């Protein structure tokens, strides 16, 4: 999950909506025409969520993180704003029958309902991590289950956070700036 920093402060100046629209247009363009290691992307308000099924081996996760790093840097340039990223490993939901009965909005030719394929637990865990660790003001918060076996260098901080659904504590590694992925 990626989130724009400072959207609330821009709202009072009348610039928050403009920045969100910029982020939407840029993120959608990149999701539709890039990010080959990500199967789905979702954009709302001042956030974007990407879903990748590439979990094994560690070298593959390393490539996913490199793609995320490039996306974050590119999106920050496009939006002229900083973002922070939270990356959590979870299980996506299986395909459901609801997705096969898509009704399009006749005006915009888009599905009227979109079922997120990302795990709701993983998404909820992004918010748990944000709530617990935002005081660190990291650029990256990455679940240990993703960093395991990948040489990202030394995080500037790490803390355990109880994550859903079983409230098991997992270490979240925090990084500043761009990720340095050493192969």
C-alpha atoms as a PDB file:
ATOM      1  CA  UNK A   1       0.000   0.000   0.000  1.00  0.00           C
ATOM      2  CA  UNK A   2       1.230   3.488  -0.853  1.00  0.00           C
ATOM      3  CA  UNK A   3      -0.094   6.610   0.816  1.00  0.00           C
ATOM      4  CA  UNK A   4       0.501  10.275  -0.004  1.00  0.00           C
ATOM      5  CA  UNK A   5       1.991  12.280   2.849  1.00  0.00           C
ATOM      6  CA  UNK A   6       0.442  15.627   3.784  1.00  0.00           C
ATOM      7  CA  UNK A   7      -2.880  15.385   1.976  1.00  0.00           C
ATOM      8  CA  UNK A   8      -4.782  16.817   4.961  1.00  0.00           C
ATOM      9  CA  UNK A   9      -2.576  19.887   5.146  1.00  0.00           C
ATOM     10  CA  UNK A  10      -3.167  20.498   1.425  1.00  0.00           C
ATOM     11  CA  UNK A  11      -6.939  20.212   1.877  1.00  0.00           C
ATOM     12  CA  UNK A  12      -7.116  23.493   3.777  1.00  0.00           C
ATOM     13  CA  UNK A  13      -5.302  25.193   0.864  1.00  0.00           C
ATOM     14  CA  UNK A  14      -7.680  23.655  -1.676  1.00  0.00           C
ATOM     15  CA  UNK A  15      -4.938  21.491  -3.179  1.00  0.00           C
ATOM     16  CA  UNK A  16      -5.665  18.088  -1.610  1.00  0.00           C
ATOM     17  CA  UNK A  17      -8.168  16.964  -4.240  1.00  0.00           C
ATOM     18  CA  UNK A  18      -5.906  18.117  -7.061  1.00  0.00           C
ATOM     19  CA  UNK A  19      -3.010  16.096  -5.650  1.00  0.00           C
ATOM     20  CA  UNK A  20      -5.199  13.003  -5.241  1.00  0.00           C
ATOM     21  CA  UNK A  21      -6.387  13.284  -8.856  1.00  0.00           C
ATOM     22  CA  UNK A  22      -2.760  13.575  -9.986  1.00  0.00           C
ATOM     23  CA  UNK A  23      -1.909  10.478  -7.977  1.00  0.00           C
ATOM     24  CA  UNK A  24      -4.908   8.555  -9.382  1.00  0.00           C
ATOM     25  CA  UNK A  25      -4.030   9.362 -12.996  1.00  0.00           C
ATOM     26  CA  UNK A  26      -0.356   8.546 -12.543  1.00  0.00           C
ATOM     27  CA  UNK A  27      -0.914   5.346 -10.563  1.00  0.00           C
ATOM     28  CA  UNK A  28      -3.543   4.037 -12.981  1.00  0.00           C
ATOM     29  CA  UNK A  29      -1.262   4.721 -15.943  1.00  0.00           C
ATOM     30  CA  UNK A  30       1.623   2.824 -14.342  1.00  0.00           C
ATOM     31  CA  UNK A  31      -0.593  -0.039 -13.122  1.00  0.00           C
ATOM     32  CA  UNK A  32      -2.121  -0.474 -16.586  1.00  0.00           C
ATOM     33  CA  UNK A  33       1.119  -0.125 -18.569  1.00  0.00           C
ATOM     34  CA  UNK A  34       3.855  -1.381 -16.273  1.00  0.00           C
ATOM     35  CA  UNK A  35       4.413  -3.369 -13.092  1.00  0.00           C
ATOM     36  CA  UNK A  36       4.617  -6.827 -14.707  1.00  0.00           C
ATOM     37  CA  UNK A  37       5.148  -8.533 -11.332  1.00  0.00           C
ATOM     38  CA  UNK A  38       1.852  -7.218  -9.963  1.00  0.00           C
ATOM     39  CA  UNK A  39      -1.460  -8.810 -10.911  1.00  0.00           C
ATOM     40  CA  UNK A  40      -3.823  -6.107  -9.624  1.00  0.00           C
ATOM     41  CA  UNK A  41      -3.775  -2.498  -8.528  1.00  0.00           C
ATOM     42  CA  UNK A  42      -6.373  -0.422  -6.720  1.00  0.00           C
ATOM     43  CA  UNK A  43      -6.455   3.350  -6.222  1.00  0.00           C
ATOM     44  CA  UNK A  44      -8.632   5.368  -3.834  1.00  0.00           C
ATOM     45  CA  UNK A  45      -8.413   8.745  -2.103  1.00  0.00           C
ATOM     46  CA  UNK A  46      -4.704   9.311  -1.461  1.00  0.00           C
ATOM     47  CA  UNK A  47      -3.710   5.623  -1.545  1.00  0.00           C
ATOM     48  CA  UNK A  48      -2.807   2.845  -3.946  1.00  0.00           C
ATOM     49  CA  UNK A  49      -2.710  -0.883  -3.249  1.00  0.00           C
ATOM     50  CA  UNK A  50      -0.795  -3.370  -5.382  1.00  0.00           C
ATOM     51  CA  UNK A  51      -1.158  -7.150  -5.303  1.00  0.00           C
ATOM     52  CA  UNK A  52       1.561  -9.551  -6.400  1.00  0.00           C
ATOM     53  CA  UNK A  53       1.398 -13.320  -6.328  1.00  0.00           C
ATOM     54  CA  UNK A  54       5.208 -13.553  -6.539  1.00  0.00           C
ATOM     55  CA  UNK A  55       6.149 -14.874  -3.100  1.00  0.00           C
ATOM     56  CA  UNK A  56       8.833 -17.530  -3.667  1.00  0.00           C
ATOM     57  CA  UNK A  57      11.771 -17.743  -3.873  1.00  0.00           C
ATOM     58  CA  UNK A  58      13.371 -14.786  -2.088  1.00  0.00           C
ATOM     59  CA  UNK A  59      14.973 -13.670  -5.372  1.00  0.00           C
ATOM     60  CA  UNK A  60      11.491 -13.235  -6.851  1.00  0.00           C
ATOM     61  CA  UNK A  61      10.320 -11.181  -3.826  1.00  0.00           C
ATOM     62  CA  UNK A  62      13.454  -9.105  -4.275  1.00  0.00           C
ATOM     63  CA  UNK A  63      12.375  -8.277  -7.833  1.00  0.00           C
ATOM     64  CA  UNK A  64       8.880  -7.384  -6.577  1.00  0.00           C
ATOM     65  CA  UNK A  65      10.399  -4.993  -4.025  1.00  0.00           C
ATOM     66  CA  UNK A  66      12.571  -3.449  -6.749  1.00  0.00           C
ATOM     67  CA  UNK A  67       9.462  -2.906  -8.866  1.00  0.00           C
ATOM     68  CA  UNK A  68       7.667  -1.346  -5.880  1.00  0.00           C
ATOM     69  CA  UNK A  69      10.662   0.891  -5.193  1.00  0.00           C
ATOM     70  CA  UNK A  70      10.658   2.095  -8.811  1.00  0.00           C
ATOM     71  CA  UNK A  71       6.876   2.676  -8.680  1.00  0.00           C
ATOM     72  CA  UNK A  72       7.136   4.714  -5.475  1.00  0.00           C
ATOM     73  CA  UNK A  73       9.960   6.885  -6.827  1.00  0.00           C
ATOM     74  CA  UNK A  74       8.138   7.416 -10.134  1.00  0.00           C
ATOM     75  CA  UNK A  75       4.843   8.252  -8.405  1.00  0.00           C
ATOM     76  CA  UNK A  76       6.547  10.756  -6.086  1.00  0.00           C
ATOM     77  CA  UNK A  77       8.001  12.535  -9.132  1.00  0.00           C
ATOM     78  CA  UNK A  78       4.663  12.535 -10.944  1.00  0.00           C
ATOM     79  CA  UNK A  79       2.756  13.841  -7.920  1.00  0.00           C
ATOM     80  CA  UNK A  80       5.510  16.143  -6.652  1.00  0.00           C
ATOM     81  CA  UNK A  81       4.840  14.687  -3.211  1.00  0.00           C
ATOM     82  CA  UNK A  82       6.266  12.127  -0.806  1.00  0.00           C
ATOM     83  CA  UNK A  83       4.661   8.759  -0.183  1.00  0.00           C
ATOM     84  CA  UNK A  84       5.252   6.032   2.339  1.00  0.00           C
ATOM     85  CA  UNK A  85       4.869   2.347   1.597  1.00  0.00           C
ATOM     86  CA  UNK A  86       3.705  -0.576   3.696  1.00  0.00           C
ATOM     87  CA  UNK A  87       4.358  -4.056   2.374  1.00  0.00           C
ATOM     88  CA  UNK A  88       2.717  -7.052   4.037  1.00  0.00           C
ATOM     89  CA  UNK A  89       2.560 -10.696   3.040  1.00  0.00           C
ATOM     90  CA  UNK A  90      -0.889 -12.243   3.122  1.00  0.00           C
ATOM     91  CA  UNK A  91      -3.113 -14.610   1.207  1.00  0.00           C
ATOM     92  CA  UNK A  92      -5.375 -13.337  -1.535  1.00  0.00           C
ATOM     93  CA  UNK A  93      -8.951 -14.440  -1.700  1.00  0.00           C
ATOM     94  CA  UNK A  94      -9.863 -17.091  -4.250  1.00  0.00           C
ATOM     95  CA  UNK A  95     -11.893 -16.015  -7.248  1.00  0.00           C
ATOM     96  CA  UNK A  96     -15.551 -15.775  -6.469  1.00  0.00           C
ATOM     97  CA  UNK A  97     -18.664 -16.083  -8.528  1.00  0.00           C
ATOM     98  CA  UNK A  98     -19.666 -12.462  -7.906  1.00  0.00           C
ATOM     99  CA  UNK A  99     -16.884 -11.262 -10.172  1.00  0.00           C
ATOM    100  CA  UNK A 100     -18.408 -13.082 -13.145  1.00  0.00           C
ATOM    101  CA  UNK A 101     -21.612 -11.041 -12.987  1.00  0.00           C
ATOM    102  CA  UNK A 102     -20.169  -7.624 -13.738  1.00  0.00           C
ATOM    103  CA  UNK A 103     -22.533  -4.766 -14.379  1.00  0.00           C
ATOM    104  CA  UNK A 104     -21.002  -1.808 -16.128  1.00  0.00           C
ATOM    105  CA  UNK A 105     -21.747   1.816 -15.472  1.00  0.00           C
ATOM    106  CA  UNK A 106     -23.080   2.805 -18.877  1.00  0.00           C
ATOM    107  CA  UNK A 107     -21.560   6.295 -18.646  1.00  0.00           C
ATOM    108  CA  UNK A 108     -17.992   5.331 -17.805  1.00  0.00           C
ATOM    109  CA  UNK A 109     -17.886   1.699 -18.993  1.00  0.00           C
ATOM    110  CA  UNK A 110     -16.458   0.522 -15.685  1.00  0.00           C
ATOM    111  CA  UNK A 111     -17.660  -2.235 -13.399  1.00  0.00           C
ATOM    112  CA  UNK A 112     -20.107  -0.836 -10.849  1.00  0.00           C
ATOM    113  CA  UNK A 113     -18.711  -3.135  -8.181  1.00  0.00           C
ATOM    114  CA  UNK A 114     -15.097  -4.214  -7.773  1.00  0.00           C
ATOM    115  CA  UNK A 115     -14.199  -7.062  -5.428  1.00  0.00           C
ATOM    116  CA  UNK A 116     -10.676  -6.572  -4.139  1.00  0.00           C
ATOM    117  CA  UNK A 117      -8.591  -9.682  -4.626  1.00  0.00           C
ATOM    118  CA  UNK A 118      -6.101  -8.580  -1.985  1.00  0.00           C
ATOM    119  CA  UNK A 119      -6.419 -10.169   1.413  1.00  0.00           C
ATOM    120  CA  UNK A 120      -8.562  -8.077   3.707  1.00  0.00           C
ATOM    121  CA  UNK A 121      -6.313  -9.225   6.575  1.00  0.00           C
ATOM    122  CA  UNK A 122      -3.229  -7.941   4.778  1.00  0.00           C
ATOM    123  CA  UNK A 123      -4.976  -4.662   4.045  1.00  0.00           C
ATOM    124  CA  UNK A 124      -6.120  -4.370   7.658  1.00  0.00           C
ATOM    125  CA  UNK A 125      -2.537  -5.141   8.718  1.00  0.00           C
ATOM    126  CA  UNK A 126      -1.320  -2.195   6.632  1.00  0.00           C
ATOM    127  CA  UNK A 127      -3.545   0.012   8.794  1.00  0.00           C
ATOM    128  CA  UNK A 128      -2.346  -1.747  11.987  1.00  0.00           C
ATOM    129  CA  UNK A 129       1.257  -1.078  10.996  1.00  0.00           C
ATOM    130  CA  UNK A 130       0.446   2.537  10.157  1.00  0.00           C
ATOM    131  CA  UNK A 131      -1.290   3.037  13.502  1.00  0.00           C
ATOM    132  CA  UNK A 132       1.496   1.387  15.506  1.00  0.00           C
ATOM    133  CA  UNK A 133       4.589   2.662  13.717  1.00  0.00           C
ATOM    134  CA  UNK A 134       3.788   5.970  11.997  1.00  0.00           C
ATOM    135  CA  UNK A 135       5.696   7.821  14.729  1.00  0.00           C
ATOM    136  CA  UNK A 136       8.894   6.584  13.027  1.00  0.00           C
ATOM    137  CA  UNK A 137       8.087   8.479   9.820  1.00  0.00           C
ATOM    138  CA  UNK A 138       9.623   5.727   7.697  1.00  0.00           C
ATOM    139  CA  UNK A 139       9.410   5.656   3.924  1.00  0.00           C
ATOM    140  CA  UNK A 140       9.077   1.868   3.977  1.00  0.00           C
ATOM    141  CA  UNK A 141       7.479  -0.511   6.501  1.00  0.00           C
ATOM    142  CA  UNK A 142       8.101  -4.098   5.372  1.00  0.00           C
ATOM    143  CA  UNK A 143       6.840  -7.311   6.951  1.00  0.00           C
ATOM    144  CA  UNK A 144       9.610  -9.740   7.964  1.00  0.00           C
ATOM    145  CA  UNK A 145       7.940 -12.450   5.894  1.00  0.00           C
ATOM    146  CA  UNK A 146       8.827 -10.407   2.820  1.00  0.00           C
ATOM    147  CA  UNK A 147      12.334  -9.337   3.854  1.00  0.00           C
ATOM    148  CA  UNK A 148      13.362 -12.862   4.888  1.00  0.00           C
ATOM    149  CA  UNK A 149      16.186 -13.983   2.589  1.00  0.00           C
ATOM    150  CA  UNK A 150      16.524 -10.568   0.899  1.00  0.00           C
ATOM    151  CA  UNK A 151      19.490  -8.290   1.557  1.00  0.00           C
ATOM    152  CA  UNK A 152      17.952  -4.839   1.945  1.00  0.00           C
ATOM    153  CA  UNK A 153      20.676  -3.517   4.178  1.00  0.00           C
ATOM    154  CA  UNK A 154      20.090  -2.565   7.784  1.00  0.00           C
ATOM    155  CA  UNK A 155      16.734  -1.010   8.626  1.00  0.00           C
ATOM    156  CA  UNK A 156      16.926   2.167  10.704  1.00  0.00           C
ATOM    157  CA  UNK A 157      14.340   0.646  13.048  1.00  0.00           C
ATOM    158  CA  UNK A 158      12.318  -2.504  13.530  1.00  0.00           C
ATOM    159  CA  UNK A 159       9.448  -3.323  15.824  1.00  0.00           C
ATOM    160  CA  UNK A 160       7.050  -6.156  16.390  1.00  0.00           C
ATOM    161  CA  UNK A 161       3.384  -5.544  15.604  1.00  0.00           C
ATOM    162  CA  UNK A 162       0.500  -7.924  16.331  1.00  0.00           C
ATOM    163  CA  UNK A 163      -1.008  -8.714  12.971  1.00  0.00           C
ATOM    164  CA  UNK A 164      -4.337 -10.187  12.004  1.00  0.00           C
ATOM    165  CA  UNK A 165      -6.023 -12.620  11.896  1.00  0.00           C
ATOM    166  CA  UNK A 166      -4.307 -14.431  14.785  1.00  0.00           C
ATOM    167  CA  UNK A 167      -2.654 -11.379  16.410  1.00  0.00           C
ATOM    168  CA  UNK A 168       0.767 -12.998  15.993  1.00  0.00           C
ATOM    169  CA  UNK A 169       3.614 -10.521  16.421  1.00  0.00           C
ATOM    170  CA  UNK A 170       5.736 -10.029  13.335  1.00  0.00           C
ATOM    171  CA  UNK A 171       8.772  -7.825  12.960  1.00  0.00           C
ATOM    172  CA  UNK A 172       8.312  -4.833  10.681  1.00  0.00           C
ATOM    173  CA  UNK A 173      11.529  -3.475   9.174  1.00  0.00           C
ATOM    174  CA  UNK A 174      11.601   0.292   8.569  1.00  0.00           C
ATOM    175  CA  UNK A 175      13.695   2.047   5.944  1.00  0.00           C
ATOM    176  CA  UNK A 176      14.274   5.667   4.909  1.00  0.00           C
ATOM    177  CA  UNK A 177      14.675   6.775   1.311  1.00  0.00           C
ATOM    178  CA  UNK A 178      14.816   4.379  -1.616  1.00  0.00           C
ATOM    179  CA  UNK A 179      15.313   0.698  -0.945  1.00  0.00           C
ATOM    180  CA  UNK A 180      18.785  -0.676  -1.546  1.00  0.00           C
ATOM    181  CA  UNK A 181      18.367  -4.236  -2.738  1.00  0.00           C
ATOM    182  CA  UNK A 182      21.690  -6.090  -2.688  1.00  0.00           C
ATOM    183  CA  UNK A 183      21.617  -9.299  -4.706  1.00  0.00           C
END
